[in-house]
Amino acid sequence: KMVNMARLRSAARKGEFLDIFDPEKMKDIEYVLYSERESFKYRLDGTPEDECYFYLAYLDGDRFKIGVTKNYEKRFRQYYHGLQYKEPKILHTAKRFEIAEIEYKVKKQFLGKVVIGTETYSINDLEEIMEYINSLINNPCN
């Protein structure tokens, strides 16, 4: 299925993002990843100049999660699919758009390795994913 990028950009500008109640849209992973990225970039409670954080946290069951946030102290007190964050680490700090792009690229690159949602992976994939993350952070043009 071909993604209509013009439609997605238009929806992002209007504040129309991921519709988890539309099963057809949820089948389109490109739509899901794009919507998650644009939603973070254009949050109503933020600006492009916000300092944001790309993080990693371990979860029960030999899993880890990557994510983005503006408020890591609040985020690290929350749960993800009923799982508590363990040993959360800030991997990179930058402006909102850069952080959103890094997360998007990682999610897209490792889509086939996801075990929960779009951002949780097996601990067995940690080294490979961290190498990719470090390459993005050290060379943002990737």
Protein backbone atom coordinates (compact mmCIF):
# COMPACT_ATOMS: atom_id res chain seq x y z
CA LYS A 1 0.00 0.00 0.00
CA MET A 2 1.44 3.38 -1.03
CA VAL A 3 1.62 6.11 1.59
CA ASN A 4 0.15 9.46 0.56
CA MET A 5 2.83 11.75 2.01
CA ALA A 6 0.98 14.92 1.00
CA ARG A 7 -2.04 13.72 2.99
CA LEU A 8 0.13 12.93 5.99
CA ARG A 9 1.87 16.34 5.91
CA SER A 10 -1.48 18.08 5.62
CA ALA A 11 -2.83 16.09 8.56
CA ALA A 12 0.24 16.95 10.64
CA ARG A 13 -0.18 20.67 9.96
CA LYS A 14 -3.83 20.43 11.05
CA GLY A 15 -2.96 18.53 14.21
CA GLU A 16 -4.57 15.32 12.94
CA PHE A 17 -2.29 12.50 13.92
CA LEU A 18 -2.42 8.83 14.71
CA ASP A 19 -5.97 7.52 14.90
CA ILE A 20 -5.65 4.34 16.94
CA PHE A 21 -9.37 3.74 16.52
CA ASP A 22 -9.08 3.36 12.75
CA PRO A 23 -7.96 -0.24 12.12
CA GLU A 24 -7.17 0.45 8.47
CA LYS A 25 -4.78 3.26 9.33
CA MET A 26 -3.15 1.15 12.05
CA LYS A 27 -2.29 -1.51 9.44
CA ASP A 28 -0.20 1.07 7.58
CA ILE A 29 3.03 1.11 9.58
CA GLU A 30 4.43 4.01 7.54
CA TYR A 31 1.40 6.03 8.61
CA VAL A 32 1.87 4.99 12.22
CA LEU A 33 5.59 5.89 12.35
CA TYR A 34 5.11 9.14 10.46
CA SER A 35 2.20 10.12 12.70
CA GLU A 36 4.16 9.39 15.88
CA ARG A 37 7.05 11.52 14.63
CA GLU A 38 4.90 14.43 13.52
CA SER A 39 2.84 14.28 16.70
CA PHE A 40 5.97 14.71 18.81
CA LYS A 41 7.34 17.46 16.56
CA TYR A 42 4.16 19.55 16.65
CA ARG A 43 2.84 18.96 20.16
CA LEU A 44 0.53 21.70 21.30
CA ASP A 45 2.41 22.01 24.60
CA GLY A 46 5.80 22.48 22.95
CA THR A 47 7.87 24.40 20.44
CA PRO A 48 10.57 23.39 17.94
CA GLU A 49 13.12 25.04 20.24
CA ASP A 50 12.32 22.79 23.22
CA GLU A 51 15.21 20.79 24.61
CA CYS A 52 14.09 17.17 24.34
CA TYR A 53 15.56 13.80 25.18
CA PHE A 54 16.05 10.50 23.39
CA TYR A 55 16.23 7.75 25.97
CA LEU A 56 16.53 4.03 26.56
CA ALA A 57 14.99 2.14 29.47
CA TYR A 58 15.09 -1.53 30.37
CA LEU A 59 11.82 -3.41 30.94
CA ASP A 60 10.89 -6.75 32.48
CA GLY A 61 11.20 -9.80 30.29
CA ASP A 62 14.63 -9.03 28.80
CA ARG A 63 13.34 -6.08 26.82
CA PHE A 64 14.25 -2.45 26.39
CA LYS A 65 12.40 0.57 25.09
CA ILE A 66 13.57 3.65 23.25
CA GLY A 67 11.64 6.88 23.40
CA VAL A 68 11.50 10.64 23.24
CA THR A 69 10.29 13.10 25.83
CA LYS A 70 10.49 16.69 26.90
CA ASN A 71 10.20 15.82 30.59
CA TYR A 72 12.29 12.77 31.40
CA GLU A 73 11.71 12.96 35.16
CA LYS A 74 7.97 12.58 34.64
CA ARG A 75 8.37 9.99 31.88
CA PHE A 76 10.63 7.75 33.95
CA ARG A 77 8.04 7.57 36.74
CA GLN A 78 5.41 6.25 34.32
CA TYR A 79 4.75 2.74 33.07
CA TYR A 80 4.82 1.42 29.51
CA HIS A 81 2.22 -1.27 28.74
CA GLY A 82 2.15 -2.00 32.47
CA LEU A 83 5.93 -2.34 32.66
CA GLN A 84 8.07 -0.13 34.87
CA TYR A 85 11.14 1.60 33.47
CA LYS A 86 14.41 0.23 34.85
CA GLU A 87 17.74 2.01 34.63
CA PRO A 88 16.56 4.71 32.19
CA LYS A 89 19.35 6.49 30.36
CA ILE A 90 19.38 9.72 28.36
CA LEU A 91 21.15 8.90 25.10
CA HIS A 92 20.93 12.31 23.43
CA THR A 93 19.65 15.80 24.13
CA ALA A 94 18.70 18.14 21.27
CA LYS A 95 15.93 20.29 19.85
CA ARG A 96 12.52 18.68 19.39
CA PHE A 97 12.76 18.10 15.60
CA GLU A 98 16.19 16.42 15.77
CA ILE A 99 15.07 14.10 18.57
CA ALA A 100 11.90 13.17 16.64
CA GLU A 101 13.98 12.34 13.54
CA ILE A 102 16.38 10.10 15.44
CA GLU A 103 13.55 8.11 16.98
CA TYR A 104 11.77 7.81 13.62
CA LYS A 105 14.89 6.50 11.89
CA VAL A 106 15.56 3.92 14.61
CA LYS A 107 11.95 2.70 14.60
CA LYS A 108 11.97 2.42 10.81
CA GLN A 109 15.35 0.66 10.69
CA PHE A 110 14.41 -1.96 13.29
CA LEU A 111 10.73 -2.43 12.55
CA GLY A 112 11.18 -6.16 12.10
CA LYS A 113 12.67 -6.54 15.59
CA VAL A 114 9.89 -4.85 17.59
CA VAL A 115 8.36 -6.92 20.40
CA ILE A 116 5.85 -4.36 21.81
CA GLY A 117 4.35 -1.37 20.02
CA THR A 118 6.82 0.43 17.77
CA GLU A 119 9.67 1.03 20.23
CA THR A 120 10.35 -2.02 22.41
CA TYR A 121 12.94 -4.63 21.50
CA SER A 122 14.58 -7.78 22.84
CA ILE A 123 17.71 -7.25 24.92
CA ASN A 124 19.41 -9.54 22.36
CA ASP A 125 19.18 -6.70 19.81
CA LEU A 126 20.57 -4.00 22.13
CA GLU A 127 24.11 -3.90 20.75
CA GLU A 128 23.02 -3.66 17.11
CA ILE A 129 20.42 -0.99 17.84
CA MET A 130 22.82 1.03 20.01
CA GLU A 131 25.42 0.99 17.21
CA TYR A 132 22.84 2.45 14.85
CA ILE A 133 21.69 5.04 17.40
CA ASN A 134 25.28 6.13 18.01
CA SER A 135 25.86 6.45 14.28
CA LEU A 136 22.82 8.75 14.01
CA ILE A 137 23.87 10.85 16.98
CA ASN A 138 27.47 11.14 15.80
CA ASN A 139 26.53 11.74 12.16
CA PRO A 140 23.04 13.30 11.98
CA CYS A 141 23.08 13.29 8.18
CA ASN A 142 22.61 9.48 8.11
